[in-house]
PDB file of N, CA and C in Angstrom:
ATOM      1  N   UNK A   1       0.819  -1.182   0.000  1.00  0.00           N
ATOM      2  CA  UNK A   1       0.000   0.000   0.000  1.00  0.00           C
ATOM      3  C   UNK A   1       0.868   1.252   0.000  1.00  0.00           C
ATOM      4  N   UNK A   2       1.955   1.160   0.724  1.00  0.00           N
ATOM      5  CA  UNK A   2       2.871   2.292   0.806  1.00  0.00           C
ATOM      6  C   UNK A   2       3.521   2.574  -0.552  1.00  0.00           C
ATOM      7  N   UNK A   3       3.836   1.496  -1.272  1.00  0.00           N
ATOM      8  CA  UNK A   3       4.464   1.660  -2.597  1.00  0.00           C
ATOM      9  C   UNK A   3       3.469   2.293  -3.564  1.00  0.00           C
ATOM     10  N   UNK A   4       2.214   1.844  -3.513  1.00  0.00           N
ATOM     11  CA  UNK A   4       1.187   2.412  -4.394  1.00  0.00           C
ATOM     12  C   UNK A   4       0.977   3.890  -4.100  1.00  0.00           C
ATOM     13  N   UNK A   5       0.963   4.250  -2.841  1.00  0.00           N
ATOM     14  CA  UNK A   5       0.768   5.655  -2.473  1.00  0.00           C
ATOM     15  C   UNK A   5       1.920   6.516  -2.978  1.00  0.00           C
ATOM     16  N   UNK A   6       3.148   6.017  -2.879  1.00  0.00           N
ATOM     17  CA  UNK A   6       4.283   6.810  -3.355  1.00  0.00           C
ATOM     18  C   UNK A   6       4.260   6.947  -4.880  1.00  0.00           C
ATOM     19  N   UNK A   7       3.817   5.907  -5.574  1.00  0.00           N
ATOM     20  CA  UNK A   7       3.704   6.001  -7.039  1.00  0.00           C
ATOM     21  C   UNK A   7       2.632   7.000  -7.448  1.00  0.00           C
ATOM     22  N   UNK A   8       1.516   6.993  -6.770  1.00  0.00           N
ATOM     23  CA  UNK A   8       0.447   7.939  -7.082  1.00  0.00           C
ATOM     24  C   UNK A   8       0.910   9.366  -6.817  1.00  0.00           C
ATOM     25  N   UNK A   9       1.621   9.593  -5.756  1.00  0.00           N
ATOM     26  CA  UNK A   9       2.134  10.939  -5.466  1.00  0.00           C
ATOM     27  C   UNK A   9       3.086  11.419  -6.552  1.00  0.00           C
ATOM     28  N   UNK A  10       3.934  10.504  -7.031  1.00  0.00           N
ATOM     29  CA  UNK A  10       4.892  10.920  -8.064  1.00  0.00           C
ATOM     30  C   UNK A  10       4.195  11.236  -9.380  1.00  0.00           C
ATOM     31  N   UNK A  11       3.136  10.463  -9.702  1.00  0.00           N
ATOM     32  CA  UNK A  11       2.431  10.682 -10.958  1.00  0.00           C
ATOM     33  C   UNK A  11       1.535  11.913 -10.871  1.00  0.00           C
ATOM     34  N   UNK A  12       0.785  12.050  -9.808  1.00  0.00           N
ATOM     35  CA  UNK A  12      -0.202  13.131  -9.696  1.00  0.00           C
ATOM     36  C   UNK A  12       0.425  14.461  -9.280  1.00  0.00           C
ATOM     37  N   UNK A  13       1.388  14.389  -8.430  1.00  0.00           N
ATOM     38  CA  UNK A  13       2.013  15.621  -7.968  1.00  0.00           C
ATOM     39  C   UNK A  13       3.210  15.953  -8.845  1.00  0.00           C
ATOM     40  N   UNK A  14       3.516  17.151  -8.945  1.00  0.00           N
ATOM     41  CA  UNK A  14       4.659  17.588  -9.734  1.00  0.00           C
ATOM     42  C   UNK A  14       4.238  18.639 -10.725  1.00  0.00           C
ATOM     43  N   UNK A  15       5.221  19.091 -11.460  1.00  0.00           N
ATOM     44  CA  UNK A  15       4.938  20.146 -12.439  1.00  0.00           C
ATOM     45  C   UNK A  15       4.250  19.542 -13.661  1.00  0.00           C
ATOM     46  N   UNK A  16       3.810  20.398 -14.560  1.00  0.00           N
ATOM     47  CA  UNK A  16       3.126  19.959 -15.780  1.00  0.00           C
ATOM     48  C   UNK A  16       4.052  19.121 -16.653  1.00  0.00           C
ATOM     49  N   UNK A  17       5.333  19.490 -16.743  1.00  0.00           N
ATOM     50  CA  UNK A  17       6.284  18.737 -17.549  1.00  0.00           C
ATOM     51  C   UNK A  17       6.468  17.318 -17.001  1.00  0.00           C
ATOM     52  N   UNK A  18       6.505  17.171 -15.679  1.00  0.00           N
ATOM     53  CA  UNK A  18       6.658  15.848 -15.080  1.00  0.00           C
ATOM     54  C   UNK A  18       5.412  14.997 -15.332  1.00  0.00           C
ATOM     55  N   UNK A  19       4.250  15.603 -15.248  1.00  0.00           N
ATOM     56  CA  UNK A  19       3.019  14.845 -15.496  1.00  0.00           C
ATOM     57  C   UNK A  19       2.921  14.400 -16.952  1.00  0.00           C
ATOM     58  N   UNK A  20       3.323  15.243 -17.890  1.00  0.00           N
ATOM     59  CA  UNK A  20       3.314  14.862 -19.312  1.00  0.00           C
ATOM     60  C   UNK A  20       4.341  13.762 -19.563  1.00  0.00           C
ATOM     61  N   UNK A  21       5.498  13.880 -18.956  1.00  0.00           N
ATOM     62  CA  UNK A  21       6.510  12.822 -19.079  1.00  0.00           C
ATOM     63  C   UNK A  21       6.023  11.503 -18.493  1.00  0.00           C
ATOM     64  N   UNK A  22       5.356  11.569 -17.337  1.00  0.00           N
ATOM     65  CA  UNK A  22       4.797  10.357 -16.738  1.00  0.00           C
ATOM     66  C   UNK A  22       3.703   9.757 -17.610  1.00  0.00           C
ATOM     67  N   UNK A  23       2.897  10.624 -18.254  1.00  0.00           N
ATOM     68  CA  UNK A  23       1.859  10.126 -19.146  1.00  0.00           C
ATOM     69  C   UNK A  23       2.486   9.351 -20.309  1.00  0.00           C
ATOM     70  N   UNK A  24       3.563   9.890 -20.888  1.00  0.00           N
ATOM     71  CA  UNK A  24       4.219   9.191 -21.987  1.00  0.00           C
ATOM     72  C   UNK A  24       4.875   7.894 -21.530  1.00  0.00           C
ATOM     73  N   UNK A  25       5.610   7.961 -20.408  1.00  0.00           N
ATOM     74  CA  UNK A  25       6.371   6.783 -20.008  1.00  0.00           C
ATOM     75  C   UNK A  25       5.508   5.710 -19.362  1.00  0.00           C
ATOM     76  N   UNK A  26       4.430   6.074 -18.665  1.00  0.00           N
ATOM     77  CA  UNK A  26       3.607   5.071 -18.004  1.00  0.00           C
ATOM     78  C   UNK A  26       2.297   4.781 -18.722  1.00  0.00           C
ATOM     79  N   UNK A  27       1.960   5.563 -19.729  1.00  0.00           N
ATOM     80  CA  UNK A  27       0.674   5.383 -20.393  1.00  0.00           C
ATOM     81  C   UNK A  27       0.768   5.084 -21.860  1.00  0.00           C
ATOM     82  N   UNK A  28       1.339   5.996 -22.626  1.00  0.00           N
ATOM     83  CA  UNK A  28       1.306   5.843 -24.082  1.00  0.00           C
ATOM     84  C   UNK A  28       2.309   4.821 -24.602  1.00  0.00           C
ATOM     85  N   UNK A  29       3.494   4.790 -24.045  1.00  0.00           N
ATOM     86  CA  UNK A  29       4.501   3.842 -24.540  1.00  0.00           C
ATOM     87  C   UNK A  29       4.061   2.397 -24.293  1.00  0.00           C
ATOM     88  N   UNK A  30       3.577   2.037 -23.100  1.00  0.00           N
ATOM     89  CA  UNK A  30       3.057   0.668 -22.946  1.00  0.00           C
ATOM     90  C   UNK A  30       1.839   0.382 -23.819  1.00  0.00           C
ATOM     91  N   UNK A  31       0.988   1.384 -24.023  1.00  0.00           N
ATOM     92  CA  UNK A  31      -0.188   1.177 -24.874  1.00  0.00           C
ATOM     93  C   UNK A  31       0.221   0.887 -26.309  1.00  0.00           C
ATOM     94  N   UNK A  32       1.198   1.636 -26.824  1.00  0.00           N
ATOM     95  CA  UNK A  32       1.691   1.380 -28.183  1.00  0.00           C
ATOM     96  C   UNK A  32       2.345   0.004 -28.257  1.00  0.00           C
ATOM     97  N   UNK A  33       3.071  -0.374 -27.218  1.00  0.00           N
ATOM     98  CA  UNK A  33       3.694  -1.705 -27.184  1.00  0.00           C
ATOM     99  C   UNK A  33       2.665  -2.819 -27.199  1.00  0.00           C
ATOM    100  N   UNK A  34       1.595  -2.671 -26.395  1.00  0.00           N
ATOM    101  CA  UNK A  34       0.544  -3.683 -26.397  1.00  0.00           C
ATOM    102  C   UNK A  34      -0.170  -3.738 -27.744  1.00  0.00           C
ATOM    103  N   UNK A  35      -0.391  -2.589 -28.361  1.00  0.00           N
ATOM    104  CA  UNK A  35      -1.060  -2.564 -29.664  1.00  0.00           C
ATOM    105  C   UNK A  35      -0.195  -3.255 -30.721  1.00  0.00           C
ATOM    106  N   UNK A  36       1.094  -2.919 -30.756  1.00  0.00           N
ATOM    107  CA  UNK A  36       1.987  -3.534 -31.743  1.00  0.00           C
ATOM    108  C   UNK A  36       2.119  -5.037 -31.487  1.00  0.00           C
ATOM    109  N   UNK A  37       2.231  -5.410 -30.219  1.00  0.00           N
ATOM    110  CA  UNK A  37       2.312  -6.838 -29.897  1.00  0.00           C
ATOM    111  C   UNK A  37       1.059  -7.592 -30.303  1.00  0.00           C
ATOM    112  N   UNK A  38      -0.093  -6.983 -30.081  1.00  0.00           N
ATOM    113  CA  UNK A  38      -1.342  -7.610 -30.493  1.00  0.00           C
ATOM    114  C   UNK A  38      -1.445  -7.741 -31.999  1.00  0.00           C
ATOM    115  N   UNK A  39      -0.973  -6.721 -32.719  1.00  0.00           N
ATOM    116  CA  UNK A  39      -0.987  -6.784 -34.184  1.00  0.00           C
ATOM    117  C   UNK A  39      -0.083  -7.900 -34.683  1.00  0.00           C
ATOM    118  N   UNK A  40       1.112  -8.006 -34.117  1.00  0.00           N
ATOM    119  CA  UNK A  40       2.058  -9.045 -34.527  1.00  0.00           C
ATOM    120  C   UNK A  40       1.498 -10.430 -34.201  1.00  0.00           C
ATOM    121  N   UNK A  41       0.941 -10.589 -32.998  1.00  0.00           N
ATOM    122  CA  UNK A  41       0.359 -11.880 -32.633  1.00  0.00           C
ATOM    123  C   UNK A  41      -0.846 -12.221 -33.505  1.00  0.00           C
ATOM    124  N   UNK A  42      -1.617 -11.212 -33.895  1.00  0.00           N
ATOM    125  CA  UNK A  42      -2.737 -11.451 -34.804  1.00  0.00           C
ATOM    126  C   UNK A  42      -2.276 -11.956 -36.160  1.00  0.00           C
ATOM    127  N   UNK A  43      -1.205 -11.347 -36.687  1.00  0.00           N
ATOM    128  CA  UNK A  43      -0.659 -11.800 -37.967  1.00  0.00           C
ATOM    129  C   UNK A  43      -0.106 -13.215 -37.862  1.00  0.00           C
ATOM    130  N   UNK A  44       0.547 -13.531 -36.734  1.00  0.00           N
ATOM    131  CA  UNK A  44       1.046 -14.889 -36.525  1.00  0.00           C
ATOM    132  C   UNK A  44      -0.106 -15.889 -36.433  1.00  0.00           C
ATOM    133  N   UNK A  45      -1.209 -15.481 -35.822  1.00  0.00           N
ATOM    134  CA  UNK A  45      -2.375 -16.352 -35.740  1.00  0.00           C
ATOM    135  C   UNK A  45      -2.959 -16.621 -37.123  1.00  0.00           C
ATOM    136  N   UNK A  46      -3.037 -15.596 -37.955  1.00  0.00           N
ATOM    137  CA  UNK A  46      -3.530 -15.777 -39.328  1.00  0.00           C
ATOM    138  C   UNK A  46      -2.604 -16.717 -40.096  1.00  0.00           C
ATOM    139  N   UNK A  47      -1.288 -16.542 -39.948  1.00  0.00           N
ATOM    140  CA  UNK A  47      -0.323 -17.425 -40.613  1.00  0.00           C
ATOM    141  C   UNK A  47      -0.485 -18.863 -40.120  1.00  0.00           C
ATOM    142  N   UNK A  48      -0.706 -19.036 -38.812  1.00  0.00           N
ATOM    143  CA  UNK A  48      -0.901 -20.376 -38.256  1.00  0.00           C
ATOM    144  C   UNK A  48      -2.149 -21.043 -38.796  1.00  0.00           C
ATOM    145  N   UNK A  49      -3.221 -20.277 -38.966  1.00  0.00           N
ATOM    146  CA  UNK A  49      -4.456 -20.833 -39.505  1.00  0.00           C
ATOM    147  C   UNK A  49      -4.256 -21.266 -40.955  1.00  0.00           C
ATOM    148  N   UNK A  50      -3.577 -20.451 -41.751  1.00  0.00           N
ATOM    149  CA  UNK A  50      -3.315 -20.793 -43.154  1.00  0.00           C
ATOM    150  C   UNK A  50      -2.428 -22.034 -43.229  1.00  0.00           C
ATOM    151  N   UNK A  51      -1.417 -22.100 -42.378  1.00  0.00           N
ATOM    152  CA  UNK A  51      -0.525 -23.246 -42.365  1.00  0.00           C
ATOM    153  C   UNK A  51      -1.277 -24.518 -41.963  1.00  0.00           C
ATOM    154  N   UNK A  52      -2.140 -24.433 -40.975  1.00  0.00           N
ATOM    155  CA  UNK A  52      -2.939 -25.590 -40.560  1.00  0.00           C
ATOM    156  C   UNK A  52      -3.884 -26.031 -41.672  1.00  0.00           C
ATOM    157  N   UNK A  53      -4.444 -25.071 -42.408  1.00  0.00           N
ATOM    158  CA  UNK A  53      -5.315 -25.426 -43.532  1.00  0.00           C
ATOM    159  C   UNK A  53      -4.540 -26.185 -44.609  1.00  0.00           C
ATOM    160  N   UNK A  54      -3.327 -25.737 -44.904  1.00  0.00           N
ATOM    161  CA  UNK A  54      -2.515 -26.431 -45.909  1.00  0.00           C
ATOM    162  C   UNK A  54      -2.166 -27.841 -45.443  1.00  0.00           C
ATOM    163  N   UNK A  55      -1.776 -27.983 -44.187  1.00  0.00           N
ATOM    164  CA  UNK A  55      -1.424 -29.301 -43.660  1.00  0.00           C
ATOM    165  C   UNK A  55      -2.642 -30.214 -43.665  1.00  0.00           C
ATOM    166  N   UNK A  56      -3.794 -29.685 -43.284  1.00  0.00           N
ATOM    167  CA  UNK A  56      -5.008 -30.481 -43.257  1.00  0.00           C
ATOM    168  C   UNK A  56      -5.400 -30.932 -44.663  1.00  0.00           C
ATOM    169  N   UNK A  57      -5.257 -30.061 -45.653  1.00  0.00           N
ATOM    170  CA  UNK A  57      -5.599 -30.432 -47.031  1.00  0.00           C
ATOM    171  C   UNK A  57      -4.670 -31.533 -47.537  1.00  0.00           C
ATOM    172  N   UNK A  58      -3.381 -31.418 -47.250  1.00  0.00           N
ATOM    173  CA  UNK A  58      -2.437 -32.457 -47.696  1.00  0.00           C
ATOM    174  C   UNK A  58      -2.699 -33.778 -46.993  1.00  0.00           C
ATOM    175  N   UNK A  59      -2.997 -33.738 -45.710  1.00  0.00           N
ATOM    176  CA  UNK A  59      -3.308 -34.970 -44.983  1.00  0.00           C
ATOM    177  C   UNK A  59      -4.580 -35.606 -45.522  1.00  0.00           C
ATOM    178  N   UNK A  60      -5.564 -34.787 -45.869  1.00  0.00           N
ATOM    179  CA  UNK A  60      -6.809 -35.327 -46.415  1.00  0.00           C
ATOM    180  C   UNK A  60      -6.558 -35.969 -47.771  1.00  0.00           C
ATOM    181  N   UNK A  61      -5.740 -35.335 -48.623  1.00  0.00           N
ATOM    182  CA  UNK A  61      -5.409 -35.936 -49.916  1.00  0.00           C
ATOM    183  C   UNK A  61      -4.697 -37.267 -49.734  1.00  0.00           C
ATOM    184  N   UNK A  62      -3.771 -37.317 -48.770  1.00  0.00           N
ATOM    185  CA  UNK A  62      -3.050 -38.557 -48.507  1.00  0.00           C
ATOM    186  C   UNK A  62      -4.010 -39.626 -47.996  1.00  0.00           C
ATOM    187  N   UNK A  63      -4.943 -39.250 -47.119  1.00  0.00           N
ATOM    188  CA  UNK A  63      -5.903 -40.211 -46.581  1.00  0.00           C
ATOM    189  C   UNK A  63      -6.807 -40.754 -47.685  1.00  0.00           C
ATOM    190  N   UNK A  64      -7.237 -39.897 -48.600  1.00  0.00           N
ATOM    191  CA  UNK A  64      -8.078 -40.350 -49.713  1.00  0.00           C
ATOM    192  C   UNK A  64      -7.297 -41.318 -50.594  1.00  0.00           C
ATOM    193  N   UNK A  65      -6.040 -40.998 -50.888  1.00  0.00           N
ATOM    194  CA  UNK A  65      -5.209 -41.883 -51.697  1.00  0.00           C
ATOM    195  C   UNK A  65      -5.003 -43.224 -50.990  1.00  0.00           C
ATOM    196  N   UNK A  66      -4.783 -43.195 -49.681  1.00  0.00           N
ATOM    197  CA  UNK A  66      -4.587 -44.424 -48.918  1.00  0.00           C
ATOM    198  C   UNK A  66      -5.851 -45.275 -48.912  1.00  0.00           C
ATOM    199  N   UNK A  67      -7.010 -44.647 -48.755  1.00  0.00           N
ATOM    200  CA  UNK A  67      -8.271 -45.387 -48.783  1.00  0.00           C
ATOM    201  C   UNK A  67      -8.495 -46.002 -50.154  1.00  0.00           C
ATOM    202  N   UNK A  68      -8.168 -45.267 -51.225  1.00  0.00           N
ATOM    203  CA  UNK A  68      -8.318 -45.823 -52.578  1.00  0.00           C
ATOM    204  C   UNK A  68      -7.421 -47.029 -52.784  1.00  0.00           C
ATOM    205  N   UNK A  69      -6.160 -46.941 -52.343  1.00  0.00           N
ATOM    206  CA  UNK A  69      -5.232 -48.059 -52.510  1.00  0.00           C
ATOM    207  C   UNK A  69      -5.693 -49.258 -51.691  1.00  0.00           C
ATOM    208  N   UNK A  70      -6.101 -49.018 -50.446  1.00  0.00           N
ATOM    209  CA  UNK A  70      -6.533 -50.125 -49.601  1.00  0.00           C
ATOM    210  C   UNK A  70      -7.822 -50.762 -50.115  1.00  0.00           C
ATOM    211  N   UNK A  71      -8.741 -49.946 -50.618  1.00  0.00           N
ATOM    212  CA  UNK A  71      -9.991 -50.515 -51.131  1.00  0.00           C
ATOM    213  C   UNK A  71      -9.743 -51.317 -52.405  1.00  0.00           C
ATOM    214  N   UNK A  72      -8.847 -50.861 -53.278  1.00  0.00           N
ATOM    215  CA  UNK A  72      -8.549 -51.645 -54.487  1.00  0.00           C
ATOM    216  C   UNK A  72      -7.822 -52.928 -54.123  1.00  0.00           C
ATOM    217  N   UNK A  73      -6.921 -52.856 -53.131  1.00  0.00           N
ATOM    218  CA  UNK A  73      -6.211 -54.065 -52.685  1.00  0.00           C
ATOM    219  C   UNK A  73      -7.192 -55.063 -52.084  1.00  0.00           C
ATOM    220  N   UNK A  74      -8.068 -54.570 -51.212  1.00  0.00           N
ATOM    221  CA  UNK A  74      -9.045 -55.457 -50.588  1.00  0.00           C
ATOM    222  C   UNK A  74     -10.031 -55.996 -51.621  1.00  0.00           C
ATOM    223  N   UNK A  75     -10.437 -55.164 -52.565  1.00  0.00           N
ATOM    224  CA  UNK A  75     -11.347 -55.613 -53.614  1.00  0.00           C
ATOM    225  C   UNK A  75     -10.738 -56.700 -54.466  1.00  0.00           C
ATOM    226  N   UNK A  76      -9.447 -56.586 -54.781  1.00  0.00           N
ATOM    227  CA  UNK A  76      -8.772 -57.601 -55.582  1.00  0.00           C
ATOM    228  C   UNK A  76      -8.720 -58.923 -54.819  1.00  0.00           C
ATOM    229  N   UNK A  77      -8.387 -58.858 -53.532  1.00  0.00           N
ATOM    230  CA  UNK A  77      -8.272 -60.085 -52.763  1.00  0.00           C
ATOM    231  C   UNK A  77      -9.639 -60.726 -52.518  1.00  0.00           C
ATOM    232  N   UNK A  78     -10.656 -59.927 -52.307  1.00  0.00           N
ATOM    233  CA  UNK A  78     -12.000 -60.481 -52.108  1.00  0.00           C
ATOM    234  C   UNK A  78     -12.517 -61.096 -53.401  1.00  0.00           C
ATOM    235  N   UNK A  79     -12.288 -60.422 -54.528  1.00  0.00           N
ATOM    236  CA  UNK A  79     -12.760 -60.985 -55.798  1.00  0.00           C
ATOM    237  C   UNK A  79     -11.993 -62.258 -56.137  1.00  0.00           C
ATOM    238  N   UNK A  80     -10.689 -62.308 -55.838  1.00  0.00           N
ATOM    239  CA  UNK A  80      -9.930 -63.542 -56.061  1.00  0.00           C
ATOM    240  C   UNK A  80     -10.438 -64.655 -55.151  1.00  0.00           C
ATOM    241  N   UNK A  81     -10.792 -64.309 -53.934  1.00  0.00           N
ATOM    242  CA  UNK A  81     -11.297 -65.311 -52.997  1.00  0.00           C
ATOM    243  C   UNK A  81     -12.660 -65.836 -53.443  1.00  0.00           C
ATOM    244  N   UNK A  82     -13.505 -64.930 -53.952  1.00  0.00           N
ATOM    245  CA  UNK A  82     -14.842 -65.347 -54.385  1.00  0.00           C
ATOM    246  C   UNK A  82     -14.799 -66.185 -55.654  1.00  0.00           C
ATOM    247  N   UNK A  83     -13.888 -65.853 -56.562  1.00  0.00           N
ATOM    248  CA  UNK A  83     -13.798 -66.616 -57.815  1.00  0.00           C
ATOM    249  C   UNK A  83     -12.918 -67.830 -57.687  1.00  0.00           C
ATOM    250  N   UNK A  84     -12.174 -67.965 -56.628  1.00  0.00           N
ATOM    251  CA  UNK A  84     -11.331 -69.135 -56.414  1.00  0.00           C
ATOM    252  C   UNK A  84      -9.986 -69.056 -57.105  1.00  0.00           C
ATOM    253  N   UNK A  85      -9.604 -67.893 -57.595  1.00  0.00           N
ATOM    254  CA  UNK A  85      -8.288 -67.743 -58.229  1.00  0.00           C
ATOM    255  C   UNK A  85      -7.196 -67.733 -57.165  1.00  0.00           C
ATOM    256  N   UNK A  86      -6.014 -68.196 -57.517  1.00  0.00           N
ATOM    257  CA  UNK A  86      -4.929 -68.167 -56.520  1.00  0.00           C
ATOM    258  C   UNK A  86      -4.490 -66.743 -56.234  1.00  0.00           C
ATOM    259  N   UNK A  87      -3.980 -66.583 -55.060  1.00  0.00           N
ATOM    260  CA  UNK A  87      -3.517 -65.259 -54.606  1.00  0.00           C
ATOM    261  C   UNK A  87      -2.169 -64.953 -55.246  1.00  0.00           C
ATOM    262  N   UNK A  88      -2.048 -63.799 -55.862  1.00  0.00           N
ATOM    263  CA  UNK A  88      -0.774 -63.366 -56.435  1.00  0.00           C
ATOM    264  C   UNK A  88      -0.213 -62.283 -55.528  1.00  0.00           C
ATOM    265  N   UNK A  89       0.949 -62.530 -54.945  1.00  0.00           N
ATOM    266  CA  UNK A  89       1.511 -61.626 -53.941  1.00  0.00           C
ATOM    267  C   UNK A  89       1.848 -60.273 -54.550  1.00  0.00           C
ATOM    268  N   UNK A  90       2.580 -60.282 -55.647  1.00  0.00           N
ATOM    269  CA  UNK A  90       2.897 -59.025 -56.312  1.00  0.00           C
ATOM    270  C   UNK A  90       3.026 -59.288 -57.796  1.00  0.00           C
ATOM    271  N   UNK A  91       2.789 -58.298 -58.619  1.00  0.00           N
ATOM    272  CA  UNK A  91       2.882 -58.518 -60.065  1.00  0.00           C
ATOM    273  C   UNK A  91       4.316 -58.815 -60.479  1.00  0.00           C
ATOM    274  N   UNK A  92       4.446 -59.594 -61.540  1.00  0.00           N
ATOM    275  CA  UNK A  92       5.770 -59.962 -62.033  1.00  0.00           C
ATOM    276  C   UNK A  92       6.487 -58.732 -62.557  1.00  0.00           C
ATOM    277  N   UNK A  93       7.759 -58.635 -62.218  1.00  0.00           N
ATOM    278  CA  UNK A  93       8.551 -57.499 -62.670  1.00  0.00           C
ATOM    279  C   UNK A  93       9.377 -57.914 -63.878  1.00  0.00           C
ATOM    280  N   UNK A  94       9.452 -57.059 -64.846  1.00  0.00           N
ATOM    281  CA  UNK A  94      10.184 -57.331 -66.067  1.00  0.00           C
ATOM    282  C   UNK A  94      11.542 -56.657 -65.968  1.00  0.00           C
ATOM    283  N   UNK A  95      12.587 -57.458 -65.800  1.00  0.00           N
ATOM    284  CA  UNK A  95      13.943 -56.932 -65.737  1.00  0.00           C
ATOM    285  C   UNK A  95      14.746 -57.487 -66.890  1.00  0.00           C
ATOM    286  N   UNK A  96      15.927 -56.933 -67.066  1.00  0.00           N
ATOM    287  CA  UNK A  96      16.782 -57.388 -68.174  1.00  0.00           C
ATOM    288  C   UNK A  96      17.181 -58.838 -67.980  1.00  0.00           C
ATOM    289  N   UNK A  97      17.472 -59.249 -66.767  1.00  0.00           N
ATOM    290  CA  UNK A  97      17.850 -60.636 -66.490  1.00  0.00           C
ATOM    291  C   UNK A  97      16.714 -61.592 -66.765  1.00  0.00           C
ATOM    292  N   UNK A  98      15.511 -61.199 -66.419  1.00  0.00           N
ATOM    293  CA  UNK A  98      14.350 -62.052 -66.648  1.00  0.00           C
ATOM    294  C   UNK A  98      14.072 -62.199 -68.133  1.00  0.00           C
ATOM    295  N   UNK A  99      14.254 -61.133 -68.905  1.00  0.00           N
ATOM    296  CA  UNK A  99      14.051 -61.198 -70.353  1.00  0.00           C
ATOM    297  C   UNK A  99      15.097 -62.117 -70.979  1.00  0.00           C
ATOM    298  N   UNK A 100      16.352 -62.030 -70.529  1.00  0.00           N
ATOM    299  CA  UNK A 100      17.430 -62.863 -71.062  1.00  0.00           C
ATOM    300  C   UNK A 100      17.163 -64.334 -70.768  1.00  0.00           C
ATOM    301  N   UNK A 101      16.740 -64.664 -69.566  1.00  0.00           N
ATOM    302  CA  UNK A 101      16.451 -66.050 -69.204  1.00  0.00           C
ATOM    303  C   UNK A 101      15.267 -66.563 -70.013  1.00  0.00           C
ATOM    304  N   UNK A 102      14.252 -65.737 -70.191  1.00  0.00           N
ATOM    305  CA  UNK A 102      13.079 -66.154 -70.961  1.00  0.00           C
ATOM    306  C   UNK A 102      13.447 -66.390 -72.419  1.00  0.00           C
ATOM    307  N   UNK A 103      14.318 -65.584 -72.990  1.00  0.00           N
ATOM    308  CA  UNK A 103      14.739 -65.775 -74.380  1.00  0.00           C
ATOM    309  C   UNK A 103      15.532 -67.068 -74.522  1.00  0.00           C
ATOM    310  N   UNK A 104      16.375 -67.359 -73.543  1.00  0.00           N
ATOM    311  CA  UNK A 104      17.149 -68.591 -73.614  1.00  0.00           C
ATOM    312  C   UNK A 104      16.248 -69.810 -73.478  1.00  0.00           C
ATOM    313  N   UNK A 105      15.242 -69.743 -72.651  1.00  0.00           N
ATOM    314  CA  UNK A 105      14.348 -70.881 -72.477  1.00  0.00           C
ATOM    315  C   UNK A 105      13.487 -71.096 -73.706  1.00  0.00           C
ATOM    316  N   UNK A 106      13.130 -70.037 -74.391  1.00  0.00           N
ATOM    317  CA  UNK A 106      12.267 -70.164 -75.572  1.00  0.00           C
ATOM    318  C   UNK A 106      13.060 -70.395 -76.844  1.00  0.00           C
ATOM    319  N   UNK A 107      14.359 -70.275 -76.820  1.00  0.00           N
ATOM    320  CA  UNK A 107      15.161 -70.461 -78.019  1.00  0.00           C
ATOM    321  C   UNK A 107      15.370 -71.941 -78.275  1.00  0.00           C
ATOM    322  N   UNK A 108      15.249 -72.376 -79.562  1.00  0.00           N
ATOM    323  CA  UNK A 108      15.401 -73.789 -79.904  1.00  0.00           C
ATOM    324  C   UNK A 108      16.853 -74.165 -80.038  1.00  0.00           C
ATOM    325  N   UNK A 109      17.703 -73.179 -80.344  1.00  0.00           N
ATOM    326  CA  UNK A 109      19.113 -73.506 -80.578  1.00  0.00           C
ATOM    327  C   UNK A 109      19.960 -73.393 -79.329  1.00  0.00           C
ATOM    328  N   UNK A 110      19.380 -72.964 -78.224  1.00  0.00           N
ATOM    329  CA  UNK A 110      20.168 -72.773 -77.002  1.00  0.00           C
ATOM    330  C   UNK A 110      20.386 -74.114 -76.308  1.00  0.00           C
ATOM    331  N   UNK A 111      21.623 -74.274 -75.825  1.00  0.00           N
ATOM    332  CA  UNK A 111      21.932 -75.477 -75.066  1.00  0.00           C
ATOM    333  C   UNK A 111      21.378 -75.330 -73.654  1.00  0.00           C
ATOM    334  N   UNK A 112      20.970 -76.371 -73.040  1.00  0.00           N
ATOM    335  CA  UNK A 112      20.514 -76.273 -71.655  1.00  0.00           C
ATOM    336  C   UNK A 112      21.682 -75.955 -70.723  1.00  0.00           C
ATOM    337  N   UNK A 113      21.465 -75.090 -69.781  1.00  0.00           N
ATOM    338  CA  UNK A 113      22.486 -74.699 -68.830  1.00  0.00           C
ATOM    339  C   UNK A 113      22.365 -75.604 -67.620  1.00  0.00           C
ATOM    340  N   UNK A 114      23.545 -76.232 -67.266  1.00  0.00           N
ATOM    341  CA  UNK A 114      23.526 -77.141 -66.119  1.00  0.00           C
ATOM    342  C   UNK A 114      24.298 -76.605 -64.988  1.00  0.00           C
TER     343      UNK A 114
END
């Protein structure tokens, strides 16, 4: 209470120049600081909202793609199960070595490799 009373005396009492100086140092400068800080935080909030929207859109696109892949995979396995076809783990890959071996097996003039 004593500290508050001494602060009030210093602000209220004194010459006109001291009161104007106290108004600037204890009133307007903090007010401008709070206003600028609020403006900066507002801009950061807008940036955060835009960033969250972008992240959410990308995650949604990824989720849709994942659901499409999983549904096609499940559909293939269910249709194979219903028709009685054997399960194929992965599609055959065509590589240079596989083409060379296939050509040798289909060639009539090739000797068998032992």
